[in-house]
Protein backbone atom coordinates (compact mmCIF):
# COMPACT_ATOMS: atom_id res chain seq x y z
CA MET A 1 -40.42 -34.37 144.23
CA ASP A 2 -40.54 -34.36 140.67
CA ARG A 3 -38.06 -31.66 138.44
CA ARG A 4 -41.11 -29.45 137.56
CA ASP A 5 -42.21 -29.08 141.34
CA PHE A 6 -38.94 -28.62 141.96
CA LEU A 7 -38.44 -25.71 139.36
CA LYS A 8 -41.92 -24.33 140.46
CA ASN A 9 -40.92 -23.99 144.42
CA SER A 10 -37.18 -22.90 144.01
CA ALA A 11 -37.93 -20.44 141.00
CA GLY A 12 -39.12 -17.94 143.80
CA ALA A 13 -36.14 -18.49 145.65
CA GLY A 14 -33.48 -16.08 143.96
CA LEU A 15 -31.39 -18.66 142.56
CA SER A 16 -27.83 -17.59 141.69
CA LEU A 17 -25.91 -18.31 138.91
CA ALA A 18 -22.95 -19.83 141.95
CA ILE A 19 -25.44 -22.43 142.44
CA THR A 20 -26.56 -23.31 138.92
CA ASP A 21 -24.73 -26.64 138.65
CA SER A 22 -25.92 -28.13 142.03
CA VAL A 23 -29.34 -27.11 141.28
CA HIS A 24 -29.16 -28.89 137.92
CA GLN A 25 -27.86 -32.11 139.49
CA GLN A 26 -31.65 -32.07 141.60
CA VAL A 27 -33.54 -31.27 138.53
CA LYS A 28 -33.47 -34.87 137.20
CA ALA A 29 -35.20 -37.20 139.14
CA GLU A 30 -33.98 -40.10 137.51
CA LYS A 31 -30.25 -40.47 137.79
CA LEU A 32 -28.58 -40.22 134.28
CA GLN A 33 -25.58 -42.35 135.30
CA ASP A 34 -28.18 -45.07 135.93
CA ARG A 35 -28.84 -44.97 132.00
CA LYS A 36 -27.10 -46.76 129.00
CA ALA A 37 -28.10 -43.60 126.46
CA LEU A 38 -28.39 -39.99 127.01
CA ARG A 39 -32.15 -39.20 125.51
CA ILE A 40 -32.03 -35.97 123.29
CA GLY A 41 -34.66 -34.20 121.45
CA PHE A 42 -33.96 -32.33 117.87
CA ILE A 43 -35.17 -29.17 117.41
CA GLY A 44 -34.69 -28.38 113.65
CA VAL A 45 -33.58 -30.93 111.09
CA GLY A 46 -32.82 -28.98 108.18
CA GLY A 47 -29.59 -29.22 106.78
CA ARG A 48 -27.24 -28.07 110.02
CA GLY A 49 -30.11 -30.32 112.10
CA THR A 50 -29.57 -33.35 110.35
CA ALA A 51 -25.84 -32.99 110.14
CA LEU A 52 -25.99 -32.25 114.07
CA LEU A 53 -28.36 -35.57 114.25
CA ASN A 54 -26.14 -38.19 112.36
CA THR A 55 -22.86 -36.57 114.12
CA ALA A 56 -24.80 -37.21 117.73
CA PHE A 57 -24.78 -40.78 116.75
CA ALA A 58 -21.34 -41.23 115.94
CA ALA A 59 -20.38 -38.94 119.11
CA ALA A 60 -21.91 -41.18 122.17
CA SER A 61 -24.33 -43.65 123.12
CA ILE A 62 -27.85 -41.86 122.67
CA LYS A 63 -31.56 -41.97 122.39
CA VAL A 64 -33.72 -39.57 120.32
CA PRO A 65 -37.27 -40.13 121.30
CA ALA A 66 -39.11 -36.95 120.03
CA ILE A 67 -37.76 -34.62 116.80
CA CYS A 68 -39.87 -31.14 116.10
CA ASP A 69 -39.57 -29.41 112.78
CA ASN A 70 -42.34 -27.17 111.11
CA GLN A 71 -41.31 -29.04 107.60
CA LYS A 72 -42.76 -32.56 108.14
CA ALA A 73 -40.50 -33.97 105.17
CA HIS A 74 -37.36 -33.11 107.28
CA ALA A 75 -39.00 -34.63 110.26
CA GLU A 76 -39.69 -37.68 108.66
CA ARG A 77 -35.77 -37.86 107.32
CA ALA A 78 -34.48 -37.21 110.62
CA ALA A 79 -36.93 -40.10 111.49
CA ALA A 80 -35.56 -42.24 108.96
CA ILE A 81 -31.87 -41.56 110.59
CA VAL A 82 -33.07 -42.65 113.98
CA VAL A 83 -34.48 -45.69 112.74
CA LYS A 84 -31.25 -46.79 110.58
CA ASN A 85 -29.55 -46.62 113.64
CA GLY A 86 -31.61 -48.97 115.31
CA GLN A 87 -34.27 -47.13 117.23
CA PRO A 88 -37.69 -46.91 117.25
CA ARG A 89 -39.42 -44.25 115.42
CA PRO A 90 -39.41 -40.87 117.10
CA GLN A 91 -42.03 -39.47 117.97
CA LEU A 92 -42.58 -36.04 115.34
CA TYR A 93 -44.00 -32.74 116.35
CA THR A 94 -44.68 -30.68 113.02
CA GLU A 95 -48.00 -28.69 113.76
CA GLY A 96 -46.51 -25.46 113.27
CA ASP A 97 -44.21 -23.14 114.31
CA TYR A 98 -44.81 -23.94 118.03
CA ALA A 99 -45.15 -27.44 117.99
CA TYR A 100 -41.48 -27.21 119.76
CA ARG A 101 -43.50 -26.21 123.19
CA GLU A 102 -45.66 -29.49 122.92
CA MET A 103 -42.60 -31.78 122.54
CA LEU A 104 -40.46 -29.41 125.08
CA LYS A 105 -43.48 -30.87 127.68
CA ARG A 106 -41.82 -34.21 127.57
CA ASP A 107 -40.59 -35.96 130.57
CA ASP A 108 -38.09 -38.02 128.55
CA LEU A 109 -35.48 -35.37 127.56
CA ASP A 110 -32.29 -34.90 129.08
CA ALA A 111 -30.90 -32.35 126.42
CA VAL A 112 -32.18 -30.96 123.16
CA ILE A 113 -30.38 -29.70 120.25
CA ILE A 114 -32.00 -26.40 118.47
CA ALA A 115 -30.54 -25.93 115.05
CA THR A 116 -33.30 -23.69 113.98
CA PRO A 117 -33.17 -20.31 111.95
CA TRP A 118 -31.70 -17.14 114.22
CA ARG A 119 -34.72 -15.40 115.33
CA TRP A 120 -36.26 -18.79 116.87
CA HIS A 121 -33.17 -19.31 119.32
CA VAL A 122 -33.63 -17.28 122.59
CA PRO A 123 -37.12 -18.23 122.72
CA MET A 124 -36.83 -21.85 122.03
CA THR A 125 -34.10 -21.82 124.73
CA VAL A 126 -36.22 -19.88 127.12
CA GLU A 127 -38.64 -22.44 127.23
CA SER A 128 -36.31 -25.65 127.55
CA MET A 129 -34.70 -24.40 130.13
CA GLN A 130 -38.09 -23.29 131.66
CA GLN A 131 -39.11 -26.94 130.91
CA GLY A 132 -36.10 -28.35 133.17
CA THR A 133 -33.93 -29.32 129.75
CA THR A 134 -31.12 -28.38 128.97
CA ALA A 135 -29.97 -26.98 125.76
CA ALA A 136 -27.96 -26.67 122.98
CA VAL A 137 -28.40 -23.75 120.77
CA GLU A 138 -27.00 -23.50 117.27
CA VAL A 139 -24.91 -19.93 116.87
CA PRO A 140 -25.84 -17.39 117.77
CA CYS A 141 -27.52 -17.73 120.59
CA ALA A 142 -29.24 -14.44 120.60
CA LEU A 143 -29.37 -11.40 117.92
CA SER A 144 -29.89 -8.57 120.59
CA VAL A 145 -28.59 -7.35 123.95
CA GLU A 146 -32.08 -7.80 125.40
CA GLY A 147 -32.47 -11.68 124.03
CA CYS A 148 -28.77 -12.29 125.93
CA TRP A 149 -29.91 -11.10 129.02
CA GLU A 150 -33.13 -13.18 128.77
CA LEU A 151 -31.26 -16.33 128.48
CA ILE A 152 -29.28 -15.00 131.50
CA ASN A 153 -32.19 -14.45 133.64
CA THR A 154 -33.77 -17.73 132.80
CA THR A 155 -31.08 -19.77 134.01
CA GLU A 156 -30.64 -17.79 137.12
CA LYS A 157 -34.65 -18.10 137.96
CA THR A 158 -34.83 -21.97 136.73
CA GLY A 159 -31.39 -23.19 137.59
CA VAL A 160 -31.04 -24.78 134.24
CA PRO A 161 -28.10 -24.56 132.14
CA PHE A 162 -27.63 -23.84 128.26
CA MET A 163 -24.73 -24.11 125.92
CA MET A 164 -24.02 -22.59 123.00
CA LEU A 165 -22.60 -24.76 119.64
CA GLU A 166 -19.63 -22.67 118.68
CA ASN A 167 -17.62 -25.18 117.22
CA TRP A 168 -14.47 -23.54 116.32
CA SER A 169 -13.66 -23.31 120.16
CA TYR A 170 -13.11 -27.02 119.78
CA ARG A 171 -10.54 -26.88 116.21
CA LYS A 172 -7.50 -29.01 116.86
CA ASP A 173 -5.35 -26.07 115.80
CA ASN A 174 -7.31 -23.79 118.50
CA LEU A 175 -7.23 -25.64 121.15
CA ALA A 176 -3.41 -26.45 120.67
CA VAL A 177 -3.10 -22.65 120.76
CA LEU A 178 -4.90 -22.80 124.21
CA ASN A 179 -2.50 -25.23 125.57
CA MET A 180 0.30 -22.84 124.17
CA VAL A 181 -1.02 -19.82 125.73
CA ARG A 182 -1.36 -21.90 129.30
CA ALA A 183 2.22 -23.05 128.97
CA GLY A 184 3.08 -19.52 128.50
CA LEU A 185 5.23 -19.52 125.27
CA PHE A 186 3.60 -16.30 124.33
CA GLY A 187 4.13 -14.67 127.67
CA GLU A 188 0.83 -12.13 128.50
CA ILE A 189 -1.65 -11.84 125.46
CA MET A 190 -1.95 -8.44 124.69
CA HIS A 191 -4.06 -8.25 121.20
CA VAL A 192 -6.36 -10.46 119.01
CA HIS A 193 -7.15 -10.54 115.34
CA CYS A 194 -9.98 -12.76 114.14
CA ALA A 195 -12.58 -12.81 110.89
CA HIS A 196 -15.66 -15.01 109.54
CA SER A 197 -14.37 -14.57 105.95
CA HIS A 198 -17.28 -16.83 104.29
CA ASP A 199 -18.45 -16.00 100.94
CA CYS A 200 -21.71 -17.32 101.55
CA ILE A 201 -24.11 -15.16 98.98
CA ASP A 202 -24.97 -18.08 97.06
CA HIS A 203 -26.04 -21.09 99.89
CA TRP A 204 -26.50 -18.83 102.84
CA PHE A 205 -28.23 -16.39 101.84
CA PHE A 206 -29.80 -17.10 98.29
CA ASP A 207 -30.23 -19.63 96.27
CA LYS A 208 -27.75 -20.40 94.04
CA LYS A 209 -30.01 -21.28 90.74
CA THR A 210 -32.67 -18.47 91.53
CA GLY A 211 -31.38 -15.82 93.52
CA LYS A 212 -34.76 -16.12 95.44
CA ASP A 213 -34.17 -15.15 99.14
CA LEU A 214 -33.30 -17.94 101.91
CA TRP A 215 -34.08 -16.81 105.43
CA PRO A 216 -31.10 -15.44 106.18
CA ALA A 217 -31.67 -13.24 103.55
CA GLU A 218 -33.84 -10.97 105.65
CA TYR A 219 -30.82 -9.46 107.43
CA LEU A 220 -28.88 -8.40 105.27
CA ILE A 221 -31.53 -6.39 103.76
CA LYS A 222 -32.61 -5.22 107.68
CA TYR A 223 -29.53 -4.69 109.67
CA ASN A 224 -25.53 -3.27 108.97
CA ARG A 225 -24.21 -5.34 111.65
CA ASP A 226 -21.76 -8.17 112.14
CA GLN A 227 -24.16 -10.85 111.87
CA TYR A 228 -22.04 -13.74 112.68
CA PRO A 229 -19.36 -13.18 115.30
CA THR A 230 -19.18 -16.47 116.97
CA HIS A 231 -17.12 -18.14 115.12
CA SER A 232 -14.29 -15.51 114.86
CA VAL A 233 -14.60 -14.69 118.46
CA GLY A 234 -14.88 -18.32 120.00
CA PRO A 235 -11.40 -19.81 120.30
CA VAL A 236 -10.57 -16.03 121.45
CA LEU A 237 -12.51 -15.89 125.02
CA SER A 238 -10.37 -18.78 126.38
CA TRP A 239 -7.24 -17.68 124.58
CA LEU A 240 -7.74 -14.06 126.62
CA ASP A 241 -9.69 -15.70 129.94
CA ILE A 242 -12.78 -13.64 129.21
CA ASN A 243 -15.26 -14.06 131.64
CA CYS A 244 -12.87 -15.73 133.76
CA GLY A 245 -9.95 -12.66 134.89
CA ASP A 246 -10.21 -10.46 132.23
CA ARG A 247 -13.94 -8.94 130.43
CA PHE A 248 -14.69 -7.22 127.19
CA VAL A 249 -15.78 -3.77 128.18
CA SER A 250 -16.35 -2.15 124.72
CA ILE A 251 -16.94 -2.18 121.39
CA SER A 252 -16.47 0.00 118.64
CA SER A 253 -17.69 -1.09 114.89
CA THR A 254 -17.65 0.58 111.31
CA ALA A 255 -18.56 -1.24 107.96
CA THR A 256 -17.93 -0.22 104.49
CA ALA A 257 -20.64 0.73 101.96
CA SER A 258 -22.76 -1.87 100.31
CA ARG A 259 -21.65 -2.95 97.06
CA SER A 260 -20.68 -6.51 96.85
CA ILE A 261 -24.61 -7.87 96.95
CA ASN A 262 -25.57 -6.34 94.41
CA ASP A 263 -22.96 -6.76 92.09
CA HIS A 264 -23.23 -10.52 92.60
CA PHE A 265 -27.06 -10.56 91.59
CA LEU A 266 -25.68 -7.92 88.45
CA ARG A 267 -22.99 -10.78 87.36
CA ARG A 268 -25.08 -13.58 88.31
CA PHE A 269 -28.63 -12.78 87.21
CA GLY A 270 -28.10 -9.61 85.14
CA PRO A 271 -29.87 -5.87 85.36
CA ASP A 272 -33.42 -6.71 85.94
CA HIS A 273 -33.20 -9.20 88.56
CA PRO A 274 -35.04 -7.95 91.82
CA GLY A 275 -32.18 -8.67 94.03
CA THR A 276 -29.65 -6.77 91.56
CA LYS A 277 -32.02 -3.85 92.26
CA ARG A 278 -33.02 -4.31 95.91
CA THR A 279 -31.40 -1.94 98.69
CA TYR A 280 -29.63 -3.71 101.39
CA ALA A 281 -28.61 -2.42 104.75
CA GLN A 282 -25.53 -4.95 105.44
CA GLY A 283 -22.16 -3.26 104.20
CA ASP A 284 -19.62 -5.39 102.86
CA ILE A 285 -17.16 -5.74 105.38
CA VAL A 286 -17.42 -4.73 109.15
CA THR A 287 -15.08 -4.20 111.58
CA SER A 288 -14.84 -4.09 115.16
CA THR A 289 -12.39 -3.46 117.70
CA ILE A 290 -13.02 -4.78 121.61
CA LYS A 291 -11.22 -3.23 124.30
CA THR A 292 -11.09 -5.73 127.51
CA ALA A 293 -10.78 -4.58 131.46
CA GLN A 294 -6.55 -5.63 131.01
CA GLY A 295 -6.43 -3.66 128.32
CA LYS A 296 -6.19 -5.63 125.52
CA THR A 297 -7.56 -5.54 122.25
CA VAL A 298 -9.80 -7.43 119.89
CA ILE A 299 -9.99 -6.85 116.18
CA VAL A 300 -12.69 -9.04 114.47
CA ASN A 301 -14.10 -8.79 111.11
CA TYR A 302 -17.36 -9.87 109.45
CA ASP A 303 -16.86 -10.64 105.53
CA MET A 304 -19.31 -13.02 104.05
CA GLN A 305 -20.69 -11.34 101.03
CA MET A 306 -17.52 -10.44 99.18
CA PRO A 307 -15.69 -13.41 96.52
CA ARG A 308 -12.97 -14.60 98.81
CA PRO A 309 -11.51 -18.14 99.84
CA TYR A 310 -12.68 -19.14 103.42
CA ASP A 311 -10.19 -17.81 106.22
CA ASN A 312 -10.45 -16.98 109.94
CA ARG A 313 -7.21 -14.68 109.79
CA TRP A 314 -6.47 -15.53 113.37
CA LEU A 315 -3.54 -13.49 114.50
CA LEU A 316 -2.62 -13.90 118.33
CA GLN A 317 0.28 -11.41 120.17
CA GLY A 318 1.76 -11.82 123.40
CA THR A 319 4.91 -10.14 125.20
CA HIS A 320 7.40 -13.39 124.38
CA GLY A 321 5.49 -14.37 120.93
CA VAL A 322 3.00 -14.18 118.13
CA TYR A 323 0.61 -17.17 116.09
CA ASN A 324 -0.80 -16.52 112.53
CA GLU A 325 -2.93 -19.45 111.78
CA GLN A 326 -2.83 -17.69 108.07
CA ARG A 327 1.18 -18.41 107.93
CA ASP A 328 0.37 -21.42 109.81
CA GLY A 329 3.43 -20.33 112.25
CA VAL A 330 4.80 -18.92 115.37
CA TYR A 331 7.60 -16.90 116.26
CA LEU A 332 8.69 -17.57 119.75
CA VAL A 333 11.59 -14.53 121.73
CA ASP A 334 14.67 -17.18 122.25
CA GLN A 335 13.08 -20.45 120.66
CA SER A 336 12.67 -19.83 117.39
CA PRO A 337 15.67 -20.96 115.74
CA LYS A 338 15.55 -17.88 113.39
CA PHE A 339 16.12 -14.56 114.81
CA HIS A 340 12.67 -12.68 113.42
CA GLN A 341 11.59 -15.50 111.27
CA TRP A 342 9.15 -17.59 110.96
CA GLU A 343 8.58 -21.66 112.48
CA PRO A 344 6.15 -24.07 111.27
CA PHE A 345 3.46 -24.15 113.57
CA LYS A 346 2.49 -27.89 113.05
CA PRO A 347 5.25 -29.34 115.44
CA TYR A 348 3.62 -27.35 118.06
CA GLU A 349 -0.01 -28.45 117.14
CA GLU A 350 1.37 -32.20 117.61
CA LYS A 351 3.18 -31.37 121.05
CA TYR A 352 0.21 -29.20 122.58
CA LEU A 353 -2.66 -31.48 120.89
CA HIS A 354 -5.64 -31.51 123.41
CA SER A 355 -6.73 -34.25 124.96
CA TRP A 356 -9.72 -33.81 123.33
CA TRP A 357 -8.55 -34.78 120.19
CA LYS A 358 -5.88 -38.13 121.35
CA GLU A 359 -8.72 -40.24 119.20
CA GLY A 360 -8.87 -38.08 116.41
CA GLY A 361 -12.11 -36.14 115.31
CA LEU A 362 -15.84 -37.10 114.90
CA GLY A 363 -18.56 -36.34 112.45
CA THR A 364 -18.78 -32.93 110.14
CA HIS A 365 -16.69 -29.75 109.87
CA GLY A 366 -13.41 -31.85 110.15
CA GLY A 367 -14.33 -34.03 113.51
CA VAL A 368 -14.61 -30.58 115.47
CA ASP A 369 -18.68 -31.34 115.40
CA GLY A 370 -18.28 -34.65 116.93
CA ILE A 371 -15.75 -33.34 119.57
CA GLN A 372 -18.11 -30.67 120.66
CA LEU A 373 -21.35 -32.90 120.90
CA LYS A 374 -19.32 -35.47 122.73
CA GLN A 375 -18.11 -33.29 125.72
CA PHE A 376 -21.56 -31.69 125.39
CA PHE A 377 -23.17 -35.28 126.44
CA GLU A 378 -20.52 -36.09 128.88
CA ALA A 379 -21.39 -32.77 130.85
CA VAL A 380 -25.07 -33.56 130.63
CA SER A 381 -24.53 -37.29 131.50
CA HIS A 382 -22.77 -36.25 134.80
CA LYS A 383 -24.53 -33.04 135.32
CA ASN A 384 -20.94 -31.02 135.38
CA THR A 385 -20.57 -27.63 134.24
CA LEU A 386 -21.16 -27.53 130.56
CA PRO A 387 -17.54 -26.95 127.94
CA LEU A 388 -19.29 -23.70 126.78
CA ASP A 389 -21.25 -21.93 129.76
CA ILE A 390 -23.84 -19.24 129.40
CA TYR A 391 -21.16 -16.24 129.96
CA ASP A 392 -19.27 -17.72 126.99
CA SER A 393 -22.72 -17.86 124.97
CA VAL A 394 -24.00 -14.49 125.33
CA THR A 395 -20.37 -12.97 125.42
CA MET A 396 -19.98 -14.39 121.66
CA SER A 397 -23.20 -13.22 120.52
CA VAL A 398 -24.17 -10.22 121.89
CA ILE A 399 -21.87 -8.92 119.28
CA VAL A 400 -24.04 -8.65 116.68
CA GLY A 401 -26.50 -6.39 118.34
CA LEU A 402 -23.54 -4.13 119.64
CA SER A 403 -21.98 -3.79 116.46
CA GLY A 404 -25.12 -2.85 115.06
CA GLU A 405 -25.69 -0.17 117.80
CA SER A 406 -22.25 1.30 117.04
CA ILE A 407 -22.10 1.34 113.23
CA SER A 408 -25.39 3.20 113.37
CA LYS A 409 -24.37 5.32 116.07
CA GLY A 410 -21.47 6.44 113.71
CA SER A 411 -18.93 3.67 115.07
CA VAL A 412 -19.01 5.04 118.57
CA PRO A 413 -17.97 3.10 121.31
CA ILE A 414 -20.68 0.77 123.35
CA GLU A 415 -20.72 -0.49 126.30
CA PHE A 416 -20.38 -4.07 126.91
CA PRO A 417 -22.97 -5.75 129.38
CA ASP A 418 -21.14 -7.76 132.17
CA PHE A 419 -23.46 -10.50 132.25
CA THR A 420 -21.00 -11.99 134.63
CA LYS A 421 -21.99 -9.36 137.83
CA GLY A 422 -18.44 -8.87 138.67
CA LYS A 423 -18.01 -12.52 138.75
CA TRP A 424 -15.35 -12.40 135.73
CA LYS A 425 -12.68 -11.31 138.97
CA THR A 426 -12.65 -13.79 140.26
CA ARG A 427 -13.96 -16.82 138.19
CA ALA A 428 -11.25 -19.36 137.31
CA PRO A 429 -11.09 -20.42 133.62
CA HIS A 430 -12.62 -23.48 132.89
CA PHE A 431 -12.91 -24.59 128.75
CA ALA A 432 -10.90 -26.98 127.96
CA VAL A 433 -8.28 -27.10 131.02
CA GLU A 434 -6.14 -29.75 130.93
CA LYS A 435 -4.67 -31.39 133.74
CA LYS A 436 -1.48 -31.23 132.29
CA VAL A 437 -0.06 -28.91 129.81
């Protein structure tokens, strides 16, 4: 039975997520371990997609038979990278916004990497799963509650998983903190603060030289919400065992007034620039408070338009100690050498170094992207559970839509969907679990 016949016949059987991995093992007719290289397609090869393509070649032995981008120049540039790595020129799909659909009909793709503008993440990931191909999609994987449920329902129906490429979960420091949490050094974790503080106004949202809108600009114009929560919350999910013994149950968000975008245009381009005069929905700072079923709290800050150096501001507090990323320090009850004084985190980072980092990082973002892709490729190759599973992916991403809803209703608490449908109570932690800590 080929993979499409299998999917067609099994779709009506009401497959449950409990058997997703075993079903996926039957989806591919040809055993991946019998081949030397995974066959990876790329959808979207702009700046981010091109970086992932280069990193993918460094992370694993792969083949790239197909590339899709609606800008032919981007696709040609990516094809040249493939050829430079000693492979045949890939087939290019560049005819319009929906060319990816033709590419996904191929039978020679083991997985696809999706690095396109946000609004395409759900339809492209859904189409990938419907065609029997595992997808790794850039962040966030969805922008709404409905989009998150569409992803969950599709993976239940098809038996094909997907994974969001939240790279900050793989950072060397964050994985060391995770090992420390699992070793019990902090006691029971009760509170976490996290943020994405990254001034992106003149390279993500608007052109630096002209102020012209780039594709993400429309979100600042139309919406007031945490537009980009996954870098903040990614590591927090595993620190708190979210969806594996605990879950987020509610979120309340508030936003400041919108001032910094107009001020940026005024300073850079003067009072007559259209960007100076325009009204933006997005507040300068969004602060969200998340409660968990086990009585823990998480504070999440969105801060992407005001002038400032980059920072994530992770702070983890437990009954036996505290970790502070900004101070690069820890304090542990009855262990730290001085009472109520910080000690350096670096020795702990080395002592609790995660095995994924034993050989160092690979590729972009300080080697984090290569670690992430390597783990993804290994999971696909051996048909194991993906490192960040479907629940991790949608739990991080749904904050976008929920925070906007809370703000629009006067910062009232909004119920957090239980995407696991109760399975969080019995699921064991799975992300980056070491055999020995």
